[in-house]
């Protein structure tokens, strides 16, 4: 019996637990269970080149199950953090360190950027805001439980989701609590929470109960709720329907749920525009009028953005623990547990480039800007890759 099965049995005996289901011995074709094997990489004729522009160390490495700190890129700066408490700002063009601080705490959520602050969270439920220009600490705020996703921010508020299904609005200037939204907590959920999508007039967040909720950012009043998935099944494991971080394009919000669906929702009122039965535990991507989904077997699919129609599917990376898909430079970028960076054509899903980023693997989503990717690997290094030819 694999350690994954043992973990599930233990968690199902608990009153309220979370499950990070990729914590098993099965990784890239290696494992105790011979019936579960990851796809082996196949050769192909590369159509574009991935060129490493720079690589800069942020802090110590981390285990894949600990990785939850996602880098964020702005106009000129990339912000990144590592689990042992290091937070840094790097020049996005050359990787030079602009500032770096050691917060001396176990970081589990971040990196959020907005309104002149950089925001991270720790395993004790503490939110820490830093000056985006200098790294100087501005304030700390204590919340109810562990923070496992990136906080969001606009010019007025910082929005944080905690592991106990609370969405909290904090003053960006002082960290004072402005409001708190609570929803029910399932017995079992994936270890990790959706990062809130923070706009000037709206905050949208997914929850472990299968709901997508929009709130007014200053007051926290509910604007609308949408049901992405309905829990089904006899066991709590079968009823897990966590909604991942939503994405916005024009006036449409796209979201996926584990053991549920992927759908499109009106930004204005939350009305479902379409829904398809594609389960995913990572955020969808968007580009060229298409929504890109990595399902729970790591099959990559492209859906038409205005209808949900399947346009293409790629099953050559199954069970490789893929990151959330990111549209960049005319391609779809994904990383895996062995540390490979893959590029797929947005047109038909074929492989167009691949490179090895780090032998310890990559476990968090990438940041993108134009035709450049920023990848934080499990060794604690942040790397920038450029796509040489954007014509795919």
Protein backbone atom coordinates (compact mmCIF):
# COMPACT_ATOMS: atom_id res chain seq x y z
CA UNK A 1 0.00 0.00 0.00
CA UNK A 2 1.44 3.38 -0.96
CA UNK A 3 1.95 6.21 1.48
CA UNK A 4 -0.78 8.12 -0.35
CA UNK A 5 -3.41 5.53 0.59
CA UNK A 6 -2.22 5.47 4.20
CA UNK A 7 -2.40 9.26 4.31
CA UNK A 8 -5.97 9.25 3.00
CA UNK A 9 -7.04 6.68 5.62
CA UNK A 10 -5.56 8.77 8.41
CA UNK A 11 -7.15 11.99 7.16
CA UNK A 12 -10.59 10.43 6.81
CA UNK A 13 -10.53 9.59 10.50
CA UNK A 14 -9.99 13.24 11.36
CA UNK A 15 -12.81 15.70 12.06
CA UNK A 16 -11.44 18.29 9.66
CA UNK A 17 -8.40 17.72 7.51
CA UNK A 18 -6.70 18.78 4.33
CA UNK A 19 -5.06 16.63 1.71
CA UNK A 20 -2.27 17.47 -0.67
CA UNK A 21 -2.82 14.42 -2.80
CA UNK A 22 0.44 14.49 -4.73
CA UNK A 23 2.44 13.63 -1.58
CA UNK A 24 3.22 10.08 -2.64
CA UNK A 25 6.12 8.00 -3.87
CA UNK A 26 4.77 8.15 -7.41
CA UNK A 27 6.63 10.87 -9.28
CA UNK A 28 7.70 10.91 -12.91
CA UNK A 29 7.38 7.18 -13.33
CA UNK A 30 8.86 6.15 -9.99
CA UNK A 31 6.80 4.58 -7.24
CA UNK A 32 5.85 1.59 -5.13
CA UNK A 33 2.60 1.07 -7.01
CA UNK A 34 3.46 -0.40 -10.40
CA UNK A 35 -0.07 0.25 -11.69
CA UNK A 36 0.38 4.02 -11.38
CA UNK A 37 3.11 5.36 -13.61
CA UNK A 38 3.82 8.83 -14.90
CA UNK A 39 4.26 9.43 -18.62
CA UNK A 40 7.80 9.09 -19.91
CA UNK A 41 9.02 12.08 -21.91
CA UNK A 42 9.15 11.59 -25.66
CA UNK A 43 11.52 13.20 -28.15
CA UNK A 44 10.21 15.82 -30.55
CA UNK A 45 11.51 18.40 -33.00
CA UNK A 46 11.70 21.71 -31.14
CA UNK A 47 10.15 24.65 -32.96
CA UNK A 48 11.36 27.40 -30.63
CA UNK A 49 14.16 27.86 -28.12
CA UNK A 50 13.97 28.48 -24.40
CA UNK A 51 16.90 30.69 -23.46
CA UNK A 52 17.89 31.11 -19.81
CA UNK A 53 18.39 34.82 -19.21
CA UNK A 54 19.47 34.63 -15.58
CA UNK A 55 19.24 32.59 -12.39
CA UNK A 56 19.33 34.03 -8.87
CA UNK A 57 19.14 32.28 -5.51
CA UNK A 58 16.31 33.44 -3.26
CA UNK A 59 16.81 31.12 -0.27
CA UNK A 60 17.04 27.50 0.79
CA UNK A 61 15.32 24.71 -1.09
CA UNK A 62 12.00 23.15 -0.16
CA UNK A 63 10.22 19.84 -0.47
CA UNK A 64 7.57 19.63 -3.17
CA UNK A 65 4.74 19.27 -0.63
CA UNK A 66 5.92 22.46 1.10
CA UNK A 67 5.99 24.61 -2.03
CA UNK A 68 3.21 27.20 -2.04
CA UNK A 69 4.97 30.53 -2.64
CA UNK A 70 4.30 31.83 -6.15
CA UNK A 71 6.50 34.57 -7.67
CA UNK A 72 4.83 37.74 -8.93
CA UNK A 73 6.07 40.00 -11.72
CA UNK A 74 5.31 43.71 -12.11
CA UNK A 75 6.45 46.28 -14.69
CA UNK A 76 10.12 46.12 -13.68
CA UNK A 77 10.42 43.77 -10.69
CA UNK A 78 9.92 40.11 -9.83
CA UNK A 79 9.06 39.36 -6.20
CA UNK A 80 9.68 35.91 -4.73
CA UNK A 81 9.85 34.19 -1.35
CA UNK A 82 10.95 30.87 0.10
CA UNK A 83 9.61 28.78 2.91
CA UNK A 84 12.27 29.61 5.51
CA UNK A 85 11.33 33.29 5.48
CA UNK A 86 13.36 34.94 2.72
CA UNK A 87 11.58 37.51 0.55
CA UNK A 88 13.32 39.28 -2.32
CA UNK A 89 12.81 41.78 -5.13
CA UNK A 90 14.77 41.22 -8.33
CA UNK A 91 15.26 43.29 -11.45
CA UNK A 92 13.23 41.31 -13.97
CA UNK A 93 15.66 42.08 -16.80
CA UNK A 94 18.91 40.80 -15.27
CA UNK A 95 18.05 39.10 -11.97
CA UNK A 96 19.97 41.58 -9.82
CA UNK A 97 18.75 41.64 -6.23
CA UNK A 98 17.16 44.99 -5.42
CA UNK A 99 16.44 44.02 -1.83
CA UNK A 100 16.17 40.89 0.27
CA UNK A 101 14.86 40.42 3.81
CA UNK A 102 14.70 37.53 6.25
CA UNK A 103 11.41 37.51 8.15
CA UNK A 104 12.53 34.67 10.44
CA UNK A 105 9.25 32.80 10.12
CA UNK A 106 7.89 29.82 8.19
CA UNK A 107 6.21 31.28 5.12
CA UNK A 108 3.36 29.34 3.53
CA UNK A 109 1.43 31.89 1.47
CA UNK A 110 2.50 34.50 -1.08
CA UNK A 111 3.65 36.45 -2.88
CA UNK A 112 0.96 39.13 -3.17
CA UNK A 113 1.76 42.55 -4.64
CA UNK A 114 -0.39 45.67 -4.92
CA UNK A 115 -0.86 49.18 -3.58
CA UNK A 116 2.87 49.58 -2.95
CA UNK A 117 3.18 46.55 -0.68
CA UNK A 118 4.41 42.97 -0.90
CA UNK A 119 2.35 40.59 1.22
CA UNK A 120 3.12 37.08 2.52
CA UNK A 121 1.57 34.80 5.14
CA UNK A 122 2.94 32.23 7.56
CA UNK A 123 1.87 28.92 9.07
CA UNK A 124 0.53 30.65 12.20
CA UNK A 125 -1.96 32.77 10.27
CA UNK A 126 0.10 35.94 10.37
CA UNK A 127 0.01 38.34 7.41
CA UNK A 128 3.15 40.39 6.82
CA UNK A 129 3.23 43.47 4.58
CA UNK A 130 6.51 44.91 3.26
CA UNK A 131 7.28 48.11 1.39
CA UNK A 132 7.53 47.08 -2.27
CA UNK A 133 10.40 49.49 -2.94
CA UNK A 134 12.62 48.69 0.04
CA UNK A 135 11.45 45.50 1.75
CA UNK A 136 10.93 47.41 5.00
CA UNK A 137 8.23 45.84 7.13
CA UNK A 138 5.06 47.92 7.36
CA UNK A 139 2.78 45.80 9.54
CA UNK A 140 1.73 42.35 10.70
CA UNK A 141 -1.80 41.09 11.27
CA UNK A 142 -2.83 37.90 13.06
CA UNK A 143 -5.64 35.85 11.45
CA UNK A 144 -7.43 32.67 12.50
CA UNK A 145 -5.42 29.95 10.72
CA UNK A 146 -2.63 29.07 8.32
CA UNK A 147 -2.32 30.98 5.04
CA UNK A 148 -1.65 28.70 2.07
CA UNK A 149 -2.16 30.95 -0.95
CA UNK A 150 -1.04 34.35 -2.17
CA UNK A 151 -2.82 37.33 -0.65
CA UNK A 152 -4.15 39.88 -3.13
CA UNK A 153 -4.13 43.67 -2.92
CA UNK A 154 -5.37 46.82 -4.59
CA UNK A 155 -4.80 50.44 -3.58
CA UNK A 156 -7.06 50.15 -0.52
CA UNK A 157 -7.17 46.60 0.84
CA UNK A 158 -5.22 43.38 1.25
CA UNK A 159 -7.36 40.25 0.80
CA UNK A 160 -6.34 36.94 2.38
CA UNK A 161 -7.95 33.51 2.43
CA UNK A 162 -7.14 31.32 5.42
CA UNK A 163 -7.17 27.55 5.63
CA UNK A 164 -10.37 27.57 7.73
CA UNK A 165 -12.41 29.06 4.83
CA UNK A 166 -12.33 32.70 5.87
CA UNK A 167 -11.74 35.54 3.41
CA UNK A 168 -10.48 38.63 5.21
CA UNK A 169 -10.09 42.24 4.09
CA UNK A 170 -7.30 44.24 5.76
CA UNK A 171 -6.45 47.92 5.53
CA UNK A 172 -3.45 48.26 3.21
CA UNK A 173 -2.04 51.09 5.33
CA UNK A 174 -2.33 49.55 8.80
CA UNK A 175 -3.33 45.89 8.53
CA UNK A 176 -6.50 46.52 10.55
CA UNK A 177 -9.32 44.09 9.80
CA UNK A 178 -12.05 45.71 7.71
CA UNK A 179 -14.30 42.70 7.18
CA UNK A 180 -14.46 38.91 7.21
CA UNK A 181 -16.44 36.52 5.04
CA UNK A 182 -16.94 32.94 6.25
CA UNK A 183 -18.25 29.83 4.57
CA UNK A 184 -18.64 26.20 5.59
CA UNK A 185 -15.54 24.02 5.88
CA UNK A 186 -15.67 20.50 4.37
CA UNK A 187 -14.33 17.59 6.41
CA UNK A 188 -11.69 16.99 3.75
CA UNK A 189 -10.13 19.47 1.36
CA UNK A 190 -6.98 19.79 -0.70
CA UNK A 191 -4.06 21.24 1.24
CA UNK A 192 -3.99 24.73 -0.17
CA UNK A 193 -6.54 27.44 -0.84
CA UNK A 194 -7.43 29.52 -3.85
CA UNK A 195 -5.70 32.87 -4.13
CA UNK A 196 -8.25 35.70 -4.32
CA UNK A 197 -8.57 37.59 -7.59
CA UNK A 198 -8.47 41.21 -6.45
CA UNK A 199 -9.75 44.01 -8.70
CA UNK A 200 -10.50 47.63 -7.91
CA UNK A 201 -14.24 46.99 -7.65
CA UNK A 202 -14.45 43.29 -6.90
CA UNK A 203 -12.79 40.39 -5.10
CA UNK A 204 -13.43 36.89 -6.45
CA UNK A 205 -12.35 33.74 -4.64
CA UNK A 206 -12.96 30.02 -4.86
CA UNK A 207 -13.63 27.86 -1.81
CA UNK A 208 -13.31 24.20 -0.82
CA UNK A 209 -17.11 23.80 -0.76
CA UNK A 210 -17.28 24.21 -4.55
CA UNK A 211 -18.41 27.84 -4.57
CA UNK A 212 -17.07 30.92 -6.34
CA UNK A 213 -17.87 34.13 -4.45
CA UNK A 214 -17.53 37.81 -5.44
CA UNK A 215 -17.41 40.56 -2.81
CA UNK A 216 -17.02 44.32 -2.70
CA UNK A 217 -13.37 44.85 -1.63
CA UNK A 218 -13.78 47.68 0.91
CA UNK A 219 -16.94 46.55 2.70
CA UNK A 220 -16.84 42.79 2.08
CA UNK A 221 -20.50 42.74 1.04
CA UNK A 222 -21.41 39.79 -1.17
CA UNK A 223 -22.03 40.72 -4.81
CA UNK A 224 -22.82 37.22 -6.07
CA UNK A 225 -22.18 33.53 -5.51
CA UNK A 226 -21.83 30.81 -8.14
CA UNK A 227 -21.76 27.04 -7.74
CA UNK A 228 -18.82 25.54 -9.66
CA UNK A 229 -19.27 22.00 -8.30
CA UNK A 230 -21.66 20.06 -6.07
CA UNK A 231 -20.14 17.53 -3.64
CA UNK A 232 -21.14 13.98 -4.59
CA UNK A 233 -20.34 10.52 -3.31
CA UNK A 234 -20.53 8.51 -0.12
CA UNK A 235 -17.12 9.29 1.33
CA UNK A 236 -15.65 12.64 2.25
CA UNK A 237 -12.82 11.94 -0.18
CA UNK A 238 -15.30 11.58 -3.04
CA UNK A 239 -17.01 14.83 -1.98
CA UNK A 240 -13.90 17.04 -2.28
CA UNK A 241 -14.69 19.87 -4.73
CA UNK A 242 -12.10 22.58 -4.01
CA UNK A 243 -12.23 25.51 -6.44
CA UNK A 244 -8.82 26.72 -7.64
CA UNK A 245 -7.67 30.31 -8.20
CA UNK A 246 -9.96 31.97 -10.79
CA UNK A 247 -8.69 33.89 -13.81
CA UNK A 248 -10.27 36.88 -15.55
CA UNK A 249 -10.31 37.84 -19.21
CA UNK A 250 -12.40 40.80 -20.35
CA UNK A 251 -15.67 40.35 -18.42
CA UNK A 252 -15.51 36.58 -17.99
CA UNK A 253 -14.16 34.67 -15.00
CA UNK A 254 -12.89 31.13 -15.54
CA UNK A 255 -12.59 28.63 -12.68
CA UNK A 256 -11.98 24.92 -12.14
CA UNK A 257 -12.79 22.58 -9.27
CA UNK A 258 -11.38 19.27 -8.16
CA UNK A 259 -13.74 16.36 -8.91
CA UNK A 260 -16.12 18.91 -10.36
CA UNK A 261 -16.16 21.16 -13.38
CA UNK A 262 -14.43 23.89 -15.30
CA UNK A 263 -16.68 26.80 -16.19
CA UNK A 264 -17.04 30.40 -17.34
CA UNK A 265 -18.95 32.98 -15.28
CA UNK A 266 -20.13 36.51 -15.93
CA UNK A 267 -18.07 39.02 -14.01
CA UNK A 268 -21.11 41.22 -13.46
CA UNK A 269 -23.55 38.80 -11.85
CA UNK A 270 -21.84 35.39 -11.61
CA UNK A 271 -24.15 33.78 -14.15
CA UNK A 272 -22.69 30.58 -15.57
CA UNK A 273 -21.97 30.96 -19.28
CA UNK A 274 -20.86 27.36 -19.79
CA UNK A 275 -19.57 24.42 -17.78
CA UNK A 276 -17.70 21.23 -18.63
CA UNK A 277 -16.99 18.17 -16.49
CA UNK A 278 -13.22 18.64 -16.26
CA UNK A 279 -11.72 18.15 -12.81
CA UNK A 280 -8.61 20.12 -11.93
CA UNK A 281 -6.72 21.12 -8.79
CA UNK A 282 -4.77 23.96 -10.46
CA UNK A 283 -5.85 27.27 -11.90
CA UNK A 284 -6.78 27.38 -15.60
CA UNK A 285 -4.87 29.48 -18.12
CA UNK A 286 -6.13 31.74 -20.91
CA UNK A 287 -4.77 32.79 -24.30
CA UNK A 288 -5.82 33.13 -27.96
CA UNK A 289 -9.48 32.94 -26.97
CA UNK A 290 -8.93 29.55 -25.33
CA UNK A 291 -9.02 28.23 -21.77
CA UNK A 292 -6.29 25.75 -20.85
CA UNK A 293 -7.01 23.13 -18.20
CA UNK A 294 -4.73 20.56 -16.55
CA UNK A 295 -7.06 17.84 -15.32
CA UNK A 296 -6.48 15.62 -12.29
CA UNK A 297 -4.52 13.10 -14.40
CA UNK A 298 -2.31 15.89 -15.83
CA UNK A 299 -3.90 15.75 -19.25
CA UNK A 300 -3.73 19.21 -20.84
CA UNK A 301 -6.80 20.43 -22.72
CA UNK A 302 -7.76 23.55 -24.63
CA UNK A 303 -11.40 24.68 -24.47
CA UNK A 304 -12.98 27.39 -26.59
CA UNK A 305 -13.32 30.41 -24.32
CA UNK A 306 -16.85 31.37 -25.38
CA UNK A 307 -18.39 27.89 -25.36
CA UNK A 308 -16.22 25.33 -23.55
CA UNK A 309 -15.85 23.23 -26.69
CA UNK A 310 -12.77 20.99 -26.59
CA UNK A 311 -10.27 22.08 -29.24
CA UNK A 312 -7.35 19.78 -28.48
CA UNK A 313 -5.97 17.46 -25.81
CA UNK A 314 -2.44 16.37 -24.88
CA UNK A 315 -1.99 13.27 -22.67
CA UNK A 316 1.81 12.99 -23.01
CA UNK A 317 2.47 14.48 -19.55
CA UNK A 318 0.02 12.48 -17.44
CA UNK A 319 0.81 12.02 -13.74
CA UNK A 320 3.89 14.26 -13.88
CA UNK A 321 2.49 16.71 -11.29
CA UNK A 322 2.10 19.63 -13.65
CA UNK A 323 1.89 23.26 -12.63
CA UNK A 324 -0.94 25.56 -13.63
CA UNK A 325 -0.77 26.30 -17.38
CA UNK A 326 0.48 29.75 -18.37
CA UNK A 327 0.00 31.33 -21.80
CA UNK A 328 3.19 33.15 -22.76
CA UNK A 329 4.90 34.06 -26.01
CA UNK A 330 2.35 32.21 -28.13
CA UNK A 331 2.77 28.97 -26.19
CA UNK A 332 1.42 27.19 -23.13
CA UNK A 333 4.07 26.74 -20.44
CA UNK A 334 3.98 24.02 -17.77
CA UNK A 335 6.51 22.63 -15.31
CA UNK A 336 6.63 19.20 -13.69
CA UNK A 337 7.89 17.36 -10.61
CA UNK A 338 11.16 16.40 -12.29
CA UNK A 339 11.99 20.03 -12.98
CA UNK A 340 11.24 20.19 -16.70
CA UNK A 341 9.73 23.25 -18.35
CA UNK A 342 7.48 22.30 -21.27
CA UNK A 343 6.07 24.51 -24.01
CA UNK A 344 3.00 23.42 -25.97
CA UNK A 345 1.56 25.07 -29.06
CA UNK A 346 -1.61 26.99 -28.28
CA UNK A 347 -2.88 25.98 -31.72
CA UNK A 348 -2.84 22.18 -31.43
CA UNK A 349 -1.16 21.24 -28.13
CA UNK A 350 1.96 19.71 -29.67
CA UNK A 351 5.34 20.12 -27.95
CA UNK A 352 7.41 23.02 -29.25
CA UNK A 353 10.20 23.28 -26.62
CA UNK A 354 11.49 21.73 -23.40
CA UNK A 355 14.32 22.41 -20.96
CA UNK A 356 15.44 21.15 -17.54
CA UNK A 357 15.13 23.87 -14.92
CA UNK A 358 16.24 22.07 -11.76
CA UNK A 359 16.82 18.49 -10.62
CA UNK A 360 14.81 19.03 -7.44
CA UNK A 361 11.71 19.83 -9.45
CA UNK A 362 9.29 22.74 -9.76
CA UNK A 363 6.10 22.75 -7.69
CA UNK A 364 4.62 26.25 -7.85
CA UNK A 365 3.04 28.13 -10.76
CA UNK A 366 5.22 30.37 -12.90
CA UNK A 367 4.95 34.09 -13.52
CA UNK A 368 4.95 35.41 -17.08
CA UNK A 369 5.50 38.70 -18.85
CA UNK A 370 5.37 38.98 -22.63
CA UNK A 371 7.61 36.19 -23.91
CA UNK A 372 9.49 35.73 -20.62
CA UNK A 373 8.85 33.13 -17.92
CA UNK A 374 9.93 33.37 -14.28
CA UNK A 375 10.30 30.00 -12.59
CA UNK A 376 10.94 29.38 -8.88
CA UNK A 377 12.35 25.87 -8.45
CA UNK A 378 12.43 23.61 -5.39
CA UNK A 379 16.11 24.43 -4.82
CA UNK A 380 15.18 28.05 -4.05
CA UNK A 381 16.40 29.60 -7.32
CA UNK A 382 14.41 32.00 -9.48
CA UNK A 383 15.17 31.74 -13.21
CA UNK A 384 14.05 33.78 -16.20
CA UNK A 385 13.56 32.13 -19.60
CA UNK A 386 12.89 33.85 -22.90
CA UNK A 387 11.13 32.30 -25.89
CA UNK A 388 13.29 33.14 -28.90
CA UNK A 389 10.68 32.75 -31.60
CA UNK A 390 7.09 33.71 -30.80
CA UNK A 391 5.75 32.39 -34.11
CA UNK A 392 4.50 28.93 -33.19
